[in-house]
PDB file of N, CA and C in Angstrom:
ATOM      1  N   MET A   1     154.897 162.700  27.866  1.00  0.00           N
ATOM      2  CA  MET A   1     156.119 161.975  28.243  1.00  0.00           C
ATOM      3  C   MET A   1     155.818 160.570  28.702  1.00  0.00           C
ATOM      4  N   SER A   2     156.619 159.603  28.445  1.00  0.00           N
ATOM      5  CA  SER A   2     156.574 158.288  29.143  1.00  0.00           C
ATOM      6  C   SER A   2     157.025 158.377  30.562  1.00  0.00           C
ATOM      7  N   THR A   3     156.834 157.322  31.265  1.00  0.00           N
ATOM      8  CA  THR A   3     157.367 157.209  32.618  1.00  0.00           C
ATOM      9  C   THR A   3     158.891 157.069  32.516  1.00  0.00           C
ATOM     10  N   TYR A   4     159.594 157.376  33.605  1.00  0.00           N
ATOM     11  CA  TYR A   4     161.036 157.120  33.605  1.00  0.00           C
ATOM     12  C   TYR A   4     161.346 155.713  33.442  1.00  0.00           C
ATOM     13  N   LEU A   5     160.543 154.824  34.051  1.00  0.00           N
ATOM     14  CA  LEU A   5     160.836 153.423  33.930  1.00  0.00           C
ATOM     15  C   LEU A   5     160.655 152.977  32.451  1.00  0.00           C
ATOM     16  N   GLU A   6     159.593 153.417  31.702  1.00  0.00           N
ATOM     17  CA  GLU A   6     159.484 153.219  30.335  1.00  0.00           C
ATOM     18  C   GLU A   6     160.661 153.817  29.512  1.00  0.00           C
ATOM     19  N   GLN A   7     161.136 154.967  29.922  1.00  0.00           N
ATOM     20  CA  GLN A   7     162.304 155.647  29.257  1.00  0.00           C
ATOM     21  C   GLN A   7     163.492 154.683  29.367  1.00  0.00           C
ATOM     22  N   ALA A   8     163.815 154.190  30.652  1.00  0.00           N
ATOM     23  CA  ALA A   8     164.897 153.352  30.724  1.00  0.00           C
ATOM     24  C   ALA A   8     164.818 152.067  29.886  1.00  0.00           C
ATOM     25  N   LYS A   9     163.637 151.537  29.767  1.00  0.00           N
ATOM     26  CA  LYS A   9     163.357 150.308  28.967  1.00  0.00           C
ATOM     27  C   LYS A   9     163.573 150.707  27.450  1.00  0.00           C
ATOM     28  N   THR A  10     163.241 151.846  27.038  1.00  0.00           N
ATOM     29  CA  THR A  10     163.412 152.323  25.636  1.00  0.00           C
ATOM     30  C   THR A  10     164.865 152.417  25.342  1.00  0.00           C
ATOM     31  N   VAL A  11     165.686 152.971  26.354  1.00  0.00           N
ATOM     32  CA  VAL A  11     167.107 153.031  26.055  1.00  0.00           C
ATOM     33  C   VAL A  11     167.625 151.626  25.936  1.00  0.00           C
ATOM     34  N   ALA A  12     167.229 150.666  26.767  1.00  0.00           N
ATOM     35  CA  ALA A  12     167.744 149.376  26.702  1.00  0.00           C
ATOM     36  C   ALA A  12     167.344 148.682  25.442  1.00  0.00           C
ATOM     37  N   GLY A  13     166.156 148.894  25.031  1.00  0.00           N
ATOM     38  CA  GLY A  13     165.706 148.462  23.744  1.00  0.00           C
ATOM     39  C   GLY A  13     166.423 148.915  22.590  1.00  0.00           C
ATOM     40  N   PHE A  14     166.915 150.147  22.603  1.00  0.00           N
ATOM     41  CA  PHE A  14     167.612 150.734  21.502  1.00  0.00           C
ATOM     42  C   PHE A  14     169.075 150.144  21.460  1.00  0.00           C
ATOM     43  N   VAL A  15     169.644 149.834  22.595  1.00  0.00           N
ATOM     44  CA  VAL A  15     170.840 149.168  22.655  1.00  0.00           C
ATOM     45  C   VAL A  15     170.843 147.727  21.948  1.00  0.00           C
ATOM     46  N   GLU A  16     169.688 147.066  22.194  1.00  0.00           N
ATOM     47  CA  GLU A  16     169.354 145.793  21.505  1.00  0.00           C
ATOM     48  C   GLU A  16     169.276 146.067  19.957  1.00  0.00           C
ATOM     49  N   THR A  17     168.634 147.060  19.577  1.00  0.00           N
ATOM     50  CA  THR A  17     168.471 147.444  18.155  1.00  0.00           C
ATOM     51  C   THR A  17     169.882 147.717  17.624  1.00  0.00           C
ATOM     52  N   LEU A  18     170.668 148.498  18.320  1.00  0.00           N
ATOM     53  CA  LEU A  18     171.967 148.877  17.887  1.00  0.00           C
ATOM     54  C   LEU A  18     172.798 147.573  17.828  1.00  0.00           C
ATOM     55  N   SER A  19     172.684 146.644  18.668  1.00  0.00           N
ATOM     56  CA  SER A  19     173.438 145.481  18.594  1.00  0.00           C
ATOM     57  C   SER A  19     173.152 144.693  17.253  1.00  0.00           C
ATOM     58  N   ARG A  20     171.956 144.771  16.751  1.00  0.00           N
ATOM     59  CA  ARG A  20     171.681 144.143  15.539  1.00  0.00           C
ATOM     60  C   ARG A  20     172.172 144.981  14.278  1.00  0.00           C
ATOM     61  N   GLU A  21     171.957 146.282  14.389  1.00  0.00           N
ATOM     62  CA  GLU A  21     172.251 147.174  13.250  1.00  0.00           C
ATOM     63  C   GLU A  21     173.624 147.663  13.123  1.00  0.00           C
ATOM     64  N   HIS A  22     174.298 147.790  14.270  1.00  0.00           N
ATOM     65  CA  HIS A  22     175.733 148.279  14.270  1.00  0.00           C
ATOM     66  C   HIS A  22     176.438 147.537  15.469  1.00  0.00           C
ATOM     67  N   PRO A  23     176.650 146.250  15.260  1.00  0.00           N
ATOM     68  CA  PRO A  23     177.097 145.406  16.383  1.00  0.00           C
ATOM     69  C   PRO A  23     178.384 145.833  17.003  1.00  0.00           C
ATOM     70  N   LYS A  24     179.322 146.402  16.231  1.00  0.00           N
ATOM     71  CA  LYS A  24     180.675 146.816  16.750  1.00  0.00           C
ATOM     72  C   LYS A  24     180.492 148.063  17.728  1.00  0.00           C
ATOM     73  N   ALA A  25     179.636 148.973  17.356  1.00  0.00           N
ATOM     74  CA  ALA A  25     179.359 150.141  18.263  1.00  0.00           C
ATOM     75  C   ALA A  25     178.704 149.633  19.517  1.00  0.00           C
ATOM     76  N   ALA A  26     177.685 148.796  19.505  1.00  0.00           N
ATOM     77  CA  ALA A  26     177.090 148.279  20.611  1.00  0.00           C
ATOM     78  C   ALA A  26     178.010 147.512  21.409  1.00  0.00           C
ATOM     79  N   GLU A  27     178.792 146.652  20.883  1.00  0.00           N
ATOM     80  CA  GLU A  27     179.776 145.811  21.577  1.00  0.00           C
ATOM     81  C   GLU A  27     180.789 146.699  22.344  1.00  0.00           C
ATOM     82  N   GLY A  28     181.240 147.801  21.684  1.00  0.00           N
ATOM     83  CA  GLY A  28     182.192 148.640  22.344  1.00  0.00           C
ATOM     84  C   GLY A  28     181.545 149.341  23.527  1.00  0.00           C
ATOM     85  N   PHE A  29     180.355 149.851  23.384  1.00  0.00           N
ATOM     86  CA  PHE A  29     179.557 150.438  24.518  1.00  0.00           C
ATOM     87  C   PHE A  29     179.377 149.493  25.692  1.00  0.00           C
ATOM     88  N   LEU A  30     178.863 148.213  25.370  1.00  0.00           N
ATOM     89  CA  LEU A  30     178.587 147.304  26.371  1.00  0.00           C
ATOM     90  C   LEU A  30     179.793 146.777  27.039  1.00  0.00           C
ATOM     91  N   THR A  31     180.905 146.664  26.297  1.00  0.00           N
ATOM     92  CA  THR A  31     182.187 146.227  26.914  1.00  0.00           C
ATOM     93  C   THR A  31     182.657 147.308  27.903  1.00  0.00           C
ATOM     94  N   LEU A  32     182.592 148.504  27.416  1.00  0.00           N
ATOM     95  CA  LEU A  32     182.996 149.713  28.360  1.00  0.00           C
ATOM     96  C   LEU A  32     182.098 149.702  29.575  1.00  0.00           C
ATOM     97  N   HIS A  33     180.796 149.620  29.364  1.00  0.00           N
ATOM     98  CA  HIS A  33     179.797 149.590  30.517  1.00  0.00           C
ATOM     99  C   HIS A  33     180.214 148.522  31.483  1.00  0.00           C
ATOM    100  N   LYS A  34     180.366 147.205  30.963  1.00  0.00           N
ATOM    101  CA  LYS A  34     180.591 146.124  31.911  1.00  0.00           C
ATOM    102  C   LYS A  34     181.947 146.326  32.664  1.00  0.00           C
ATOM    103  N   SER A  35     182.928 146.719  31.910  1.00  0.00           N
ATOM    104  CA  SER A  35     184.190 146.968  32.574  1.00  0.00           C
ATOM    105  C   SER A  35     184.302 148.105  33.575  1.00  0.00           C
ATOM    106  N   SER A  36     183.293 148.999  33.527  1.00  0.00           N
ATOM    107  CA  SER A  36     183.271 150.131  34.409  1.00  0.00           C
ATOM    108  C   SER A  36     182.344 149.881  35.497  1.00  0.00           C
ATOM    109  N   ALA A  37     181.409 148.954  35.418  1.00  0.00           N
ATOM    110  CA  ALA A  37     180.318 148.701  36.456  1.00  0.00           C
ATOM    111  C   ALA A  37     180.859 147.690  37.434  1.00  0.00           C
ATOM    112  N   GLY A  38     180.151 147.412  38.498  1.00  0.00           N
ATOM    113  CA  GLY A  38     180.396 146.401  39.512  1.00  0.00           C
ATOM    114  C   GLY A  38     181.416 146.899  40.538  1.00  0.00           C
ATOM    115  N   ASP A  39     181.617 146.049  41.485  1.00  0.00           N
ATOM    116  CA  ASP A  39     182.546 146.357  42.572  1.00  0.00           C
ATOM    117  C   ASP A  39     183.974 146.250  42.305  1.00  0.00           C
ATOM    118  N   SER A  40     184.636 147.189  42.643  1.00  0.00           N
ATOM    119  CA  SER A  40     186.208 147.164  42.570  1.00  0.00           C
ATOM    120  C   SER A  40     186.643 148.175  43.609  1.00  0.00           C
ATOM    121  N   ALA A  41     187.427 149.108  43.376  1.00  0.00           N
ATOM    122  CA  ALA A  41     187.854 150.107  44.313  1.00  0.00           C
ATOM    123  C   ALA A  41     186.651 150.921  44.814  1.00  0.00           C
ATOM    124  N   LEU A  42     185.722 151.133  43.914  1.00  0.00           N
ATOM    125  CA  LEU A  42     184.465 151.816  44.194  1.00  0.00           C
ATOM    126  C   LEU A  42     183.243 150.658  44.101  1.00  0.00           C
ATOM    127  N   THR A  43     182.270 150.730  44.959  1.00  0.00           N
ATOM    128  CA  THR A  43     181.224 149.801  44.802  1.00  0.00           C
ATOM    129  C   THR A  43     180.402 150.095  43.544  1.00  0.00           C
ATOM    130  N   GLY A  44     179.633 149.160  43.025  1.00  0.00           N
ATOM    131  CA  GLY A  44     178.721 149.424  41.990  1.00  0.00           C
ATOM    132  C   GLY A  44     177.752 150.501  42.328  1.00  0.00           C
ATOM    133  N   ARG A  45     177.234 150.550  43.641  1.00  0.00           N
ATOM    134  CA  ARG A  45     176.356 151.592  44.005  1.00  0.00           C
ATOM    135  C   ARG A  45     176.986 152.911  43.947  1.00  0.00           C
ATOM    136  N   GLN A  46     178.215 153.054  44.331  1.00  0.00           N
ATOM    137  CA  GLN A  46     178.901 154.411  44.211  1.00  0.00           C
ATOM    138  C   GLN A  46     179.066 154.804  42.786  1.00  0.00           C
ATOM    139  N   LYS A  47     179.382 153.859  41.892  1.00  0.00           N
ATOM    140  CA  LYS A  47     179.534 154.141  40.534  1.00  0.00           C
ATOM    141  C   LYS A  47     178.279 154.593  39.890  1.00  0.00           C
ATOM    142  N   GLU A  48     177.188 154.003  40.295  1.00  0.00           N
ATOM    143  CA  GLU A  48     175.840 154.407  39.746  1.00  0.00           C
ATOM    144  C   GLU A  48     175.424 155.822  40.224  1.00  0.00           C
ATOM    145  N   LEU A  49     175.874 156.148  41.471  1.00  0.00           N
ATOM    146  CA  LEU A  49     175.536 157.409  41.907  1.00  0.00           C
ATOM    147  C   LEU A  49     176.366 158.490  41.125  1.00  0.00           C
ATOM    148  N   ILE A  50     177.664 158.153  40.968  1.00  0.00           N
ATOM    149  CA  ILE A  50     178.522 159.088  40.140  1.00  0.00           C
ATOM    150  C   ILE A  50     177.995 159.257  38.646  1.00  0.00           C
ATOM    151  N   ALA A  51     177.600 158.138  38.089  1.00  0.00           N
ATOM    152  CA  ALA A  51     177.020 158.134  36.801  1.00  0.00           C
ATOM    153  C   ALA A  51     175.690 159.043  36.741  1.00  0.00           C
ATOM    154  N   LEU A  52     174.856 158.909  37.827  1.00  0.00           N
ATOM    155  CA  LEU A  52     173.723 159.693  37.917  1.00  0.00           C
ATOM    156  C   LEU A  52     173.954 161.181  38.090  1.00  0.00           C
ATOM    157  N   GLY A  53     175.007 161.501  38.887  1.00  0.00           N
ATOM    158  CA  GLY A  53     175.436 162.912  38.926  1.00  0.00           C
ATOM    159  C   GLY A  53     175.828 163.486  37.635  1.00  0.00           C
ATOM    160  N   ILE A  54     176.548 162.702  36.881  1.00  0.00           N
ATOM    161  CA  ILE A  54     177.016 163.200  35.573  1.00  0.00           C
ATOM    162  C   ILE A  54     175.787 163.381  34.652  1.00  0.00           C
ATOM    163  N   SER A  55     174.920 162.381  34.714  1.00  0.00           N
ATOM    164  CA  SER A  55     173.666 162.448  33.806  1.00  0.00           C
ATOM    165  C   SER A  55     172.918 163.676  34.117  1.00  0.00           C
ATOM    166  N   ILE A  56     172.815 164.105  35.367  1.00  0.00           N
ATOM    167  CA  ILE A  56     172.129 165.345  35.652  1.00  0.00           C
ATOM    168  C   ILE A  56     172.934 166.516  35.131  1.00  0.00           C
ATOM    169  N   ALA A  57     174.250 166.523  35.335  1.00  0.00           N
ATOM    170  CA  ALA A  57     175.019 167.706  34.986  1.00  0.00           C
ATOM    171  C   ALA A  57     175.088 167.864  33.501  1.00  0.00           C
ATOM    172  N   ILE A  58     175.022 166.733  32.741  1.00  0.00           N
ATOM    173  CA  ILE A  58     175.083 166.947  31.193  1.00  0.00           C
ATOM    174  C   ILE A  58     173.691 166.904  30.669  1.00  0.00           C
ATOM    175  N   ARG A  59     172.652 166.840  31.405  1.00  0.00           N
ATOM    176  CA  ARG A  59     171.233 166.933  31.069  1.00  0.00           C
ATOM    177  C   ARG A  59     170.761 165.865  30.209  1.00  0.00           C
ATOM    178  N   CYS A  60     170.983 164.667  30.550  1.00  0.00           N
ATOM    179  CA  CYS A  60     170.588 163.522  29.642  1.00  0.00           C
ATOM    180  C   CYS A  60     169.542 162.773  30.450  1.00  0.00           C
ATOM    181  N   GLU A  61     168.213 162.946  29.961  1.00  0.00           N
ATOM    182  CA  GLU A  61     167.108 162.352  30.614  1.00  0.00           C
ATOM    183  C   GLU A  61     167.083 160.825  30.456  1.00  0.00           C
ATOM    184  N   GLY A  62     167.457 160.286  29.402  1.00  0.00           N
ATOM    185  CA  GLY A  62     167.536 158.783  29.301  1.00  0.00           C
ATOM    186  C   GLY A  62     168.616 158.227  30.227  1.00  0.00           C
ATOM    187  N   CYS A  63     169.722 158.896  30.297  1.00  0.00           N
ATOM    188  CA  CYS A  63     170.782 158.478  31.262  1.00  0.00           C
ATOM    189  C   CYS A  63     170.201 158.559  32.745  1.00  0.00           C
ATOM    190  N   ILE A  64     169.579 159.627  33.046  1.00  0.00           N
ATOM    191  CA  ILE A  64     168.983 159.761  34.448  1.00  0.00           C
ATOM    192  C   ILE A  64     168.112 158.487  34.725  1.00  0.00           C
ATOM    193  N   SER A  65     167.210 158.263  33.778  1.00  0.00           N
ATOM    194  CA  SER A  65     166.277 157.129  33.965  1.00  0.00           C
ATOM    195  C   SER A  65     167.051 155.861  34.211  1.00  0.00           C
ATOM    196  N   CYS A  66     168.126 155.556  33.371  1.00  0.00           N
ATOM    197  CA  CYS A  66     168.839 154.302  33.442  1.00  0.00           C
ATOM    198  C   CYS A  66     169.629 154.264  34.719  1.00  0.00           C
ATOM    199  N   HIS A  67     170.303 155.405  35.121  1.00  0.00           N
ATOM    200  CA  HIS A  67     171.188 155.340  36.326  1.00  0.00           C
ATOM    201  C   HIS A  67     170.393 155.440  37.677  1.00  0.00           C
ATOM    202  N   VAL A  68     169.208 156.084  37.727  1.00  0.00           N
ATOM    203  CA  VAL A  68     168.392 156.015  38.833  1.00  0.00           C
ATOM    204  C   VAL A  68     167.926 154.581  39.062  1.00  0.00           C
ATOM    205  N   LYS A  69     167.547 153.879  38.008  1.00  0.00           N
ATOM    206  CA  LYS A  69     167.085 152.501  38.051  1.00  0.00           C
ATOM    207  C   LYS A  69     168.257 151.658  38.562  1.00  0.00           C
ATOM    208  N   ALA A  70     169.405 151.822  37.991  1.00  0.00           N
ATOM    209  CA  ALA A  70     170.611 150.950  38.315  1.00  0.00           C
ATOM    210  C   ALA A  70     171.008 151.302  39.823  1.00  0.00           C
ATOM    211  N   ALA A  71     171.040 152.554  40.225  1.00  0.00           N
ATOM    212  CA  ALA A  71     171.431 152.962  41.560  1.00  0.00           C
ATOM    213  C   ALA A  71     170.540 152.250  42.561  1.00  0.00           C
ATOM    214  N   LEU A  72     169.146 152.353  42.345  1.00  0.00           N
ATOM    215  CA  LEU A  72     168.267 151.675  43.257  1.00  0.00           C
ATOM    216  C   LEU A  72     168.474 150.232  43.260  1.00  0.00           C
ATOM    217  N   LYS A  73     168.746 149.603  42.119  1.00  0.00           N
ATOM    218  CA  LYS A  73     168.876 148.149  42.055  1.00  0.00           C
ATOM    219  C   LYS A  73     170.240 147.827  42.877  1.00  0.00           C
ATOM    220  N   ALA A  74     171.198 148.677  42.791  1.00  0.00           N
ATOM    221  CA  ALA A  74     172.509 148.439  43.560  1.00  0.00           C
ATOM    222  C   ALA A  74     172.311 148.771  45.033  1.00  0.00           C
ATOM    223  N   GLY A  75     171.143 149.247  45.481  1.00  0.00           N
ATOM    224  CA  GLY A  75     170.945 149.462  46.937  1.00  0.00           C
ATOM    225  C   GLY A  75     171.085 150.915  47.337  1.00  0.00           C
ATOM    226  N   ALA A  76     171.161 151.779  46.393  1.00  0.00           N
ATOM    227  CA  ALA A  76     171.189 153.298  46.797  1.00  0.00           C
ATOM    228  C   ALA A  76     169.926 153.703  47.526  1.00  0.00           C
ATOM    229  N   THR A  77     169.967 154.534  48.474  1.00  0.00           N
ATOM    230  CA  THR A  77     168.937 155.017  49.302  1.00  0.00           C
ATOM    231  C   THR A  77     168.402 156.334  48.701  1.00  0.00           C
ATOM    232  N   GLN A  78     167.236 156.726  49.175  1.00  0.00           N
ATOM    233  CA  GLN A  78     166.696 158.015  48.695  1.00  0.00           C
ATOM    234  C   GLN A  78     167.654 159.115  49.162  1.00  0.00           C
ATOM    235  N   GLU A  79     168.138 159.018  50.337  1.00  0.00           N
ATOM    236  CA  GLU A  79     169.067 160.020  50.907  1.00  0.00           C
ATOM    237  C   GLU A  79     170.338 160.112  50.045  1.00  0.00           C
ATOM    238  N   GLU A  80     170.867 159.015  49.588  1.00  0.00           N
ATOM    239  CA  GLU A  80     172.014 159.029  48.689  1.00  0.00           C
ATOM    240  C   GLU A  80     171.727 159.623  47.412  1.00  0.00           C
ATOM    241  N   ILE A  81     170.561 159.306  46.830  1.00  0.00           N
ATOM    242  CA  ILE A  81     170.195 159.891  45.518  1.00  0.00           C
ATOM    243  C   ILE A  81     170.055 161.370  45.668  1.00  0.00           C
ATOM    244  N   VAL A  82     169.318 161.808  46.717  1.00  0.00           N
ATOM    245  CA  VAL A  82     169.099 163.206  46.869  1.00  0.00           C
ATOM    246  C   VAL A  82     170.427 163.967  47.062  1.00  0.00           C
ATOM    247  N   GLU A  83     171.261 163.431  47.850  1.00  0.00           N
ATOM    248  CA  GLU A  83     172.542 164.052  48.067  1.00  0.00           C
ATOM    249  C   GLU A  83     173.447 164.085  46.672  1.00  0.00           C
ATOM    250  N   THR A  84     173.254 163.087  45.856  1.00  0.00           N
ATOM    251  CA  THR A  84     173.857 163.144  44.552  1.00  0.00           C
ATOM    252  C   THR A  84     173.366 164.178  43.717  1.00  0.00           C
ATOM    253  N   ILE A  85     172.014 164.404  43.759  1.00  0.00           N
ATOM    254  CA  ILE A  85     171.357 165.575  43.068  1.00  0.00           C
ATOM    255  C   ILE A  85     171.996 166.777  43.534  1.00  0.00           C
ATOM    256  N   GLY A  86     172.195 167.036  44.836  1.00  0.00           N
ATOM    257  CA  GLY A  86     172.772 168.287  45.388  1.00  0.00           C
ATOM    258  C   GLY A  86     174.157 168.450  44.793  1.00  0.00           C
ATOM    259  N   VAL A  87     174.975 167.421  44.862  1.00  0.00           N
ATOM    260  CA  VAL A  87     176.432 167.611  44.348  1.00  0.00           C
ATOM    261  C   VAL A  87     176.195 167.966  42.850  1.00  0.00           C
ATOM    262  N   SER A  88     175.364 167.356  42.069  1.00  0.00           N
ATOM    263  CA  SER A  88     175.173 167.675  40.611  1.00  0.00           C
ATOM    264  C   SER A  88     174.823 169.072  40.411  1.00  0.00           C
ATOM    265  N   ILE A  89     173.957 169.688  41.219  1.00  0.00           N
ATOM    266  CA  ILE A  89     173.609 171.125  41.250  1.00  0.00           C
ATOM    267  C   ILE A  89     174.836 171.934  41.490  1.00  0.00           C
ATOM    268  N   LEU A  90     175.620 171.564  42.386  1.00  0.00           N
ATOM    269  CA  LEU A  90     176.831 172.345  42.764  1.00  0.00           C
ATOM    270  C   LEU A  90     177.750 172.384  41.503  1.00  0.00           C
ATOM    271  N   MET A  91     177.755 171.231  40.771  1.00  0.00           N
ATOM    272  CA  MET A  91     178.689 171.138  39.601  1.00  0.00           C
ATOM    273  C   MET A  91     178.019 171.632  38.315  1.00  0.00           C
ATOM    274  N   GLY A  92     176.750 171.588  38.193  1.00  0.00           N
ATOM    275  CA  GLY A  92     176.002 171.957  36.906  1.00  0.00           C
ATOM    276  C   GLY A  92     175.283 173.240  36.987  1.00  0.00           C
ATOM    277  N   GLY A  93     175.168 173.886  38.209  1.00  0.00           N
ATOM    278  CA  GLY A  93     174.486 175.208  38.185  1.00  0.00           C
ATOM    279  C   GLY A  93     172.963 174.999  38.061  1.00  0.00           C
ATOM    280  N   GLY A  94     172.302 176.055  37.595  1.00  0.00           N
ATOM    281  CA  GLY A  94     170.870 176.123  37.508  1.00  0.00           C
ATOM    282  C   GLY A  94     170.212 175.046  36.671  1.00  0.00           C
ATOM    283  N   PRO A  95     170.774 174.670  35.542  1.00  0.00           N
ATOM    284  CA  PRO A  95     170.176 173.614  34.700  1.00  0.00           C
ATOM    285  C   PRO A  95     170.165 172.320  35.485  1.00  0.00           C
ATOM    286  N   SER A  96     171.135 172.119  36.321  1.00  0.00           N
ATOM    287  CA  SER A  96     171.113 170.792  37.106  1.00  0.00           C
ATOM    288  C   SER A  96     169.943 170.842  38.119  1.00  0.00           C
ATOM    289  N   VAL A  97     169.445 171.920  38.559  1.00  0.00           N
ATOM    290  CA  VAL A  97     168.243 171.962  39.393  1.00  0.00           C
ATOM    291  C   VAL A  97     167.051 171.296  38.568  1.00  0.00           C
ATOM    292  N   VAL A  98     166.895 171.812  37.335  1.00  0.00           N
ATOM    293  CA  VAL A  98     165.878 171.292  36.496  1.00  0.00           C
ATOM    294  C   VAL A  98     166.026 169.735  36.322  1.00  0.00           C
ATOM    295  N   TYR A  99     167.191 169.254  35.902  1.00  0.00           N
ATOM    296  CA  TYR A  99     167.389 167.905  35.711  1.00  0.00           C
ATOM    297  C   TYR A  99     167.577 167.087  36.928  1.00  0.00           C
ATOM    298  N   GLY A 100     167.912 167.715  38.123  1.00  0.00           N
ATOM    299  CA  GLY A 100     167.821 167.101  39.377  1.00  0.00           C
ATOM    300  C   GLY A 100     166.454 166.739  39.754  1.00  0.00           C
ATOM    301  N   GLU A 101     165.434 167.648  39.396  1.00  0.00           N
ATOM    302  CA  GLU A 101     164.103 167.315  39.742  1.00  0.00           C
ATOM    303  C   GLU A 101     163.675 166.152  38.812  1.00  0.00           C
ATOM    304  N   LYS A 102     164.110 165.930  37.681  1.00  0.00           N
ATOM    305  CA  LYS A 102     163.792 164.830  36.866  1.00  0.00           C
ATOM    306  C   LYS A 102     164.370 163.575  37.533  1.00  0.00           C
ATOM    307  N   ALA A 103     165.577 163.592  38.058  1.00  0.00           N
ATOM    308  CA  ALA A 103     166.143 162.421  38.686  1.00  0.00           C
ATOM    309  C   ALA A 103     165.367 162.099  39.974  1.00  0.00           C
ATOM    310  N   TYR A 104     164.869 163.143  40.673  1.00  0.00           N
ATOM    311  CA  TYR A 104     164.020 162.875  41.894  1.00  0.00           C
ATOM    312  C   TYR A 104     162.773 162.276  41.535  1.00  0.00           C
ATOM    313  N   GLN A 105     162.074 162.708  40.529  1.00  0.00           N
ATOM    314  CA  GLN A 105     160.826 162.170  40.057  1.00  0.00           C
ATOM    315  C   GLN A 105     160.990 160.625  39.593  1.00  0.00           C
ATOM    316  N   ALA A 106     162.079 160.454  38.844  1.00  0.00           N
ATOM    317  CA  ALA A 106     162.370 159.041  38.496  1.00  0.00           C
ATOM    318  C   ALA A 106     162.590 158.147  39.674  1.00  0.00           C
ATOM    319  N   MET A 107     163.309 158.557  40.665  1.00  0.00           N
ATOM    320  CA  MET A 107     163.547 157.801  41.899  1.00  0.00           C
ATOM    321  C   MET A 107     162.215 157.536  42.566  1.00  0.00           C
ATOM    322  N   LYS A 108     161.345 158.610  42.730  1.00  0.00           N
ATOM    323  CA  LYS A 108     160.104 158.355  43.394  1.00  0.00           C
ATOM    324  C   LYS A 108     159.255 157.362  42.653  1.00  0.00           C
ATOM    325  N   GLU A 109     159.242 157.438  41.317  1.00  0.00           N
ATOM    326  CA  GLU A 109     158.449 156.612  40.471  1.00  0.00           C
ATOM    327  C   GLU A 109     158.900 155.094  40.586  1.00  0.00           C
ATOM    328  N   MET A 110     160.220 154.991  40.727  1.00  0.00           N
ATOM    329  CA  MET A 110     160.779 153.561  40.749  1.00  0.00           C
ATOM    330  C   MET A 110     160.891 152.945  42.106  1.00  0.00           C
ATOM    331  N   MET A 111     160.730 153.639  43.181  1.00  0.00           N
ATOM    332  CA  MET A 111     160.872 153.113  44.472  1.00  0.00           C
ATOM    333  C   MET A 111     159.759 152.188  44.840  1.00  0.00           C
TER     334      MET A 111
END
């Protein structure tokens, strides 16, 4: 397995590939992403923590890598990420324990 940071870069790289190969799909995804990110009623940090929680619950490793990276960049603390993992376990049950560990390892790698 590659590192979580490499995995996040791979996802970003594929979005670039998709931009060339299927520009409308990439444009739609990037427009949605940009319109949902950033500060408004919720801060960008809060939104990234929510996205991380959902990533764990739906068991998406690439999403975990990207949202741990973005949460840290947005100023999330270890305590906030660990608490997000806890909420994800509440909502996702046993499989979220497994993917919560992946989010924890990604956070430790990227800090």
